[in-house]
Amino acid sequence: MRVAADDGEAGFARNGVTNAERQTPNTERLLDIYRRLCNRFGAQSWWPGETPFEVVVGAILTQRAAWVNVEQAIGNLERAGALAPEAIAALPVERLAELIRPSGYFNQKAQRLKAVAAYLMERCGGELEKLKGIPTGALRGELLSIKGVGPETADSILLYALERPVFVIDAYTRRVLNRIGLVEEGADYRKLQALFQDNLPGDTALFNDYHAQFVALGKNYCRQKPLCEECPLKEVCLAR
């Protein structure tokens, strides 16, 4: 259901988006933005990870870290045989911190990984498949109750590891939305998330790829110092 890299328009439709579903001005604008991004970047195929738990680990380690450093930390865990909830739960926190050192803030992140692993062992015996029967809202509340897990991390876990239709708001998304004029400066996380969840089909593949498209845009064009003339959204952006 993702957009093929060389097939923006056809893939756009396959992602659960049709003209008939355009019900509000915000819906129309959001789908237009998504189409423009798809045509520029193609499929993003997020989130990098071999297993759902690896995605969970990545969601925690990527806090205030470049992905290349997160990959190094995940590689260390894999080589140590520690890329599973039961392994992390049993690992001394000092050893865990050393393994994830490349991701930065490693002592803090080690505590967070231990907390998440403990939750998963208690809630589902470390088998994420067993979480499928829990409603998304209730599961989100449980994740947010874990120390160190905020809305962005919880929603990344829900969307990318557990395939729930929850839109992730990160710094790239916030920057783009402010610049193109879809939200006011300082809008809170819930309001930004509601913009997508209230105006788009609740489709996991759509939310997955849309968020990844914003990351691609933020990294390549909508930077702190933007490259507006080359941006695929230049025709619809109010910041120019």
Protein backbone atom coordinates (compact mmCIF):
# COMPACT_ATOMS: atom_id res chain seq x y z
CA MET A 1 0.00 0.00 0.00
CA ARG A 2 2.98 2.32 -0.20
CA VAL A 3 3.87 4.62 -3.03
CA ALA A 4 6.22 3.11 -5.55
CA ALA A 5 9.38 5.16 -5.97
CA ASP A 6 8.66 5.89 -9.64
CA ASP A 7 4.87 5.81 -9.41
CA GLY A 8 3.70 8.76 -7.33
CA GLU A 9 0.15 9.23 -8.64
CA ALA A 10 -0.77 5.54 -8.84
CA GLY A 11 0.78 4.82 -5.48
CA PHE A 12 -1.04 7.82 -4.01
CA ALA A 13 -4.35 6.17 -4.89
CA ARG A 14 -3.22 2.77 -3.62
CA ASN A 15 -2.49 4.28 -0.22
CA GLY A 16 -6.20 4.46 0.51
CA VAL A 17 -6.66 7.99 -0.87
CA THR A 18 -9.33 8.77 -3.45
CA ASN A 19 -11.06 11.90 -4.72
CA ALA A 20 -14.30 10.75 -3.12
CA GLU A 21 -12.74 11.07 0.33
CA ARG A 22 -11.92 14.75 -0.04
CA GLN A 23 -14.47 16.15 2.38
CA THR A 24 -12.94 19.27 3.91
CA PRO A 25 -10.64 22.10 2.81
CA ASN A 26 -7.97 20.67 5.11
CA THR A 27 -8.41 17.24 3.56
CA GLU A 28 -7.98 18.71 0.10
CA ARG A 29 -4.86 20.58 1.07
CA LEU A 30 -3.29 17.69 2.98
CA LEU A 31 -3.79 15.32 0.07
CA ASP A 32 -2.37 17.85 -2.38
CA ILE A 33 0.72 18.22 -0.19
CA TYR A 34 1.09 14.46 0.06
CA ARG A 35 0.83 14.04 -3.70
CA ARG A 36 3.54 16.64 -4.29
CA LEU A 37 5.84 14.94 -1.79
CA CYS A 38 5.22 11.48 -3.25
CA ASN A 39 6.00 12.71 -6.74
CA ARG A 40 9.31 14.14 -5.54
CA PHE A 41 10.53 11.51 -3.10
CA GLY A 42 8.73 8.28 -3.95
CA ALA A 43 8.17 5.58 -1.32
CA GLN A 44 10.11 5.97 1.92
CA SER A 45 9.56 2.41 3.21
CA TRP A 46 9.76 3.33 6.88
CA TRP A 47 10.61 2.30 9.60
CA PRO A 48 14.01 0.62 9.16
CA GLY A 49 13.97 -2.53 11.29
CA GLU A 50 13.93 -6.29 10.96
CA THR A 51 11.45 -6.90 13.79
CA PRO A 52 8.77 -4.87 15.61
CA PHE A 53 10.94 -4.77 18.72
CA GLU A 54 13.89 -3.42 16.75
CA VAL A 55 11.56 -0.61 15.66
CA VAL A 56 10.65 0.01 19.32
CA VAL A 57 14.34 0.23 20.22
CA GLY A 58 14.97 2.60 17.32
CA ALA A 59 12.10 4.85 18.40
CA ILE A 60 13.73 5.27 21.81
CA LEU A 61 17.32 5.60 20.65
CA THR A 62 16.52 8.14 17.93
CA GLN A 63 15.54 10.75 20.53
CA ARG A 64 18.04 13.61 20.02
CA ALA A 65 20.23 11.41 17.82
CA ALA A 66 21.13 11.06 14.15
CA TRP A 67 19.89 7.83 12.62
CA VAL A 68 23.38 6.75 11.57
CA ASN A 69 24.35 6.70 15.26
CA VAL A 70 21.19 4.82 16.18
CA GLU A 71 22.10 2.16 13.62
CA GLN A 72 25.49 1.72 15.29
CA ALA A 73 23.83 1.25 18.68
CA ILE A 74 21.31 -1.25 17.30
CA GLY A 75 24.15 -3.11 15.62
CA ASN A 76 25.93 -3.35 18.97
CA LEU A 77 22.79 -4.77 20.59
CA GLU A 78 22.34 -7.29 17.81
CA ARG A 79 25.94 -8.51 18.00
CA ALA A 80 25.59 -8.87 21.76
CA GLY A 81 22.42 -10.93 21.36
CA ALA A 82 20.49 -8.24 23.21
CA LEU A 83 17.94 -7.16 20.61
CA ALA A 84 14.92 -8.70 22.34
CA PRO A 85 12.76 -7.61 25.30
CA GLU A 86 13.86 -10.48 27.52
CA ALA A 87 17.54 -9.83 26.79
CA ILE A 88 17.33 -6.12 27.56
CA ALA A 89 15.28 -6.78 30.69
CA ALA A 90 18.01 -9.15 31.95
CA LEU A 91 21.00 -7.03 30.93
CA PRO A 92 22.72 -4.91 33.60
CA VAL A 93 21.91 -1.27 32.90
CA GLU A 94 25.61 -0.36 32.80
CA ARG A 95 26.27 -2.92 30.06
CA LEU A 96 23.21 -1.78 28.13
CA ALA A 97 24.35 1.84 28.33
CA GLU A 98 27.75 0.88 26.94
CA LEU A 99 26.19 -0.97 24.00
CA ILE A 100 24.01 1.99 23.02
CA ARG A 101 26.67 4.63 23.63
CA PRO A 102 26.77 5.73 19.93
CA SER A 103 23.18 7.00 20.19
CA GLY A 104 24.08 9.61 22.82
CA TYR A 105 22.41 10.21 26.21
CA PHE A 106 23.12 6.51 26.68
CA ASN A 107 22.60 6.32 30.44
CA GLN A 108 19.17 7.90 30.15
CA LYS A 109 18.20 5.83 27.13
CA ALA A 110 19.36 2.63 28.82
CA GLN A 111 16.90 3.32 31.64
CA ARG A 112 14.14 3.93 29.12
CA LEU A 113 14.91 0.74 27.20
CA LYS A 114 14.86 -1.21 30.47
CA ALA A 115 11.48 0.32 31.37
CA VAL A 116 9.96 -0.50 27.98
CA ALA A 117 11.38 -4.03 28.03
CA ALA A 118 9.98 -4.58 31.54
CA TYR A 119 6.57 -3.35 30.39
CA LEU A 120 6.58 -5.68 27.38
CA MET A 121 7.66 -8.68 29.44
CA GLU A 122 4.90 -8.05 31.98
CA ARG A 123 2.18 -7.11 29.48
CA CYS A 124 2.73 -9.66 26.71
CA GLY A 125 5.66 -11.87 27.66
CA GLY A 126 7.82 -9.92 25.23
CA GLU A 127 5.66 -11.00 22.27
CA LEU A 128 4.40 -7.81 20.64
CA GLU A 129 1.87 -9.76 18.55
CA LYS A 130 -0.12 -10.30 21.74
CA LEU A 131 -0.79 -6.56 21.99
CA LYS A 132 -3.04 -6.67 18.92
CA GLY A 133 -6.23 -7.04 20.92
CA ILE A 134 -5.67 -3.87 22.96
CA PRO A 135 -7.50 -0.80 21.61
CA THR A 136 -5.16 1.86 20.26
CA GLY A 137 -6.20 4.55 22.74
CA ALA A 138 -5.69 2.26 25.72
CA LEU A 139 -2.36 1.01 24.41
CA ARG A 140 -1.17 4.57 23.81
CA GLY A 141 -2.04 5.41 27.39
CA GLU A 142 -0.04 2.45 28.64
CA LEU A 143 3.00 3.45 26.58
CA LEU A 144 2.80 7.03 27.81
CA SER A 145 2.80 5.77 31.39
CA ILE A 146 6.30 4.33 30.89
CA LYS A 147 8.96 6.68 32.22
CA GLY A 148 10.73 8.50 29.38
CA VAL A 149 8.14 7.67 26.71
CA GLY A 150 6.51 10.82 25.34
CA PRO A 151 3.87 11.29 22.63
CA GLU A 152 6.28 11.15 19.67
CA THR A 153 7.96 7.95 20.88
CA ALA A 154 4.65 6.31 21.82
CA ASP A 155 3.11 7.15 18.47
CA SER A 156 6.20 5.96 16.57
CA ILE A 157 5.88 2.62 18.35
CA LEU A 158 2.16 2.44 17.61
CA LEU A 159 2.50 3.34 13.94
CA TYR A 160 5.73 1.69 12.88
CA ALA A 161 6.06 -1.29 15.23
CA LEU A 162 2.39 -2.13 15.89
CA GLU A 163 0.85 -0.83 12.63
CA ARG A 164 -1.81 1.37 14.23
CA PRO A 165 -3.21 4.37 12.28
CA VAL A 166 -1.66 7.05 14.52
CA PHE A 167 0.06 10.07 12.97
CA VAL A 168 3.50 10.89 14.36
CA ILE A 169 4.40 14.53 14.97
CA ASP A 170 8.10 15.31 15.09
CA ALA A 171 10.27 18.40 14.69
CA TYR A 172 10.30 18.13 10.89
CA THR A 173 6.51 17.87 10.72
CA ARG A 174 6.03 20.83 13.05
CA ARG A 175 8.46 22.99 11.05
CA VAL A 176 6.80 22.18 7.72
CA LEU A 177 3.27 22.74 9.02
CA ASN A 178 4.22 26.12 10.48
CA ARG A 179 5.94 27.29 7.31
CA ILE A 180 3.24 26.24 4.88
CA GLY A 181 0.61 27.85 7.10
CA LEU A 182 -1.53 24.87 8.07
CA VAL A 183 -1.22 25.53 11.82
CA GLU A 184 -0.39 28.49 13.99
CA GLU A 185 2.98 28.83 15.67
CA GLY A 186 3.04 27.05 19.02
CA ALA A 187 0.19 24.61 18.34
CA ASP A 188 0.43 21.66 20.71
CA TYR A 189 1.09 18.04 19.76
CA ARG A 190 -2.54 16.97 19.95
CA LYS A 191 -3.73 19.77 17.67
CA LEU A 192 -1.09 18.97 15.08
CA GLN A 193 -1.93 15.28 15.21
CA ALA A 194 -5.66 15.96 14.94
CA LEU A 195 -5.08 17.88 11.71
CA PHE A 196 -4.16 14.59 10.04
CA GLN A 197 -6.29 12.12 11.96
CA ASP A 198 -9.47 14.21 11.63
CA ASN A 199 -9.05 15.02 7.95
CA LEU A 200 -7.47 11.94 6.35
CA PRO A 201 -8.55 8.31 6.06
CA GLY A 202 -7.34 6.38 9.10
CA ASP A 203 -4.96 4.26 7.06
CA THR A 204 -1.73 2.97 8.59
CA ALA A 205 0.19 2.87 5.30
CA LEU A 206 -0.87 6.44 4.48
CA PHE A 207 0.17 7.79 7.90
CA ASN A 208 3.41 5.83 7.73
CA ASP A 209 4.45 7.19 4.36
CA TYR A 210 3.13 10.72 4.92
CA HIS A 211 5.21 11.17 8.06
CA ALA A 212 8.26 9.74 6.31
CA GLN A 213 7.71 12.18 3.43
CA PHE A 214 7.86 15.08 5.91
CA VAL A 215 11.15 13.75 7.26
CA ALA A 216 12.54 13.59 3.72
CA LEU A 217 11.35 17.14 3.09
CA GLY A 218 12.81 18.43 6.35
CA LYS A 219 16.19 16.84 5.73
CA ASN A 220 16.51 17.88 2.09
CA TYR A 221 14.70 21.21 1.69
CA CYS A 222 12.76 22.51 4.70
CA ARG A 223 15.86 22.86 6.84
CA GLN A 224 16.57 25.45 9.51
CA LYS A 225 17.78 27.54 6.56
CA PRO A 226 15.32 26.38 3.90
CA LEU A 227 16.03 25.72 0.22
CA CYS A 228 12.73 27.16 -0.92
CA GLU A 229 13.39 27.43 -4.65
CA GLU A 230 14.00 23.69 -4.95
CA CYS A 231 11.25 22.61 -2.54
CA PRO A 232 8.38 20.46 -3.90
CA LEU A 233 5.94 22.52 -1.78
CA LYS A 234 7.09 25.94 -2.94
CA GLU A 235 3.84 26.59 -4.78
CA VAL A 236 1.71 26.01 -1.68
CA CYS A 237 3.98 27.37 1.07
CA LEU A 238 3.28 30.69 2.78
CA ALA A 239 6.86 31.11 4.01
CA ARG A 240 8.26 32.06 0.60
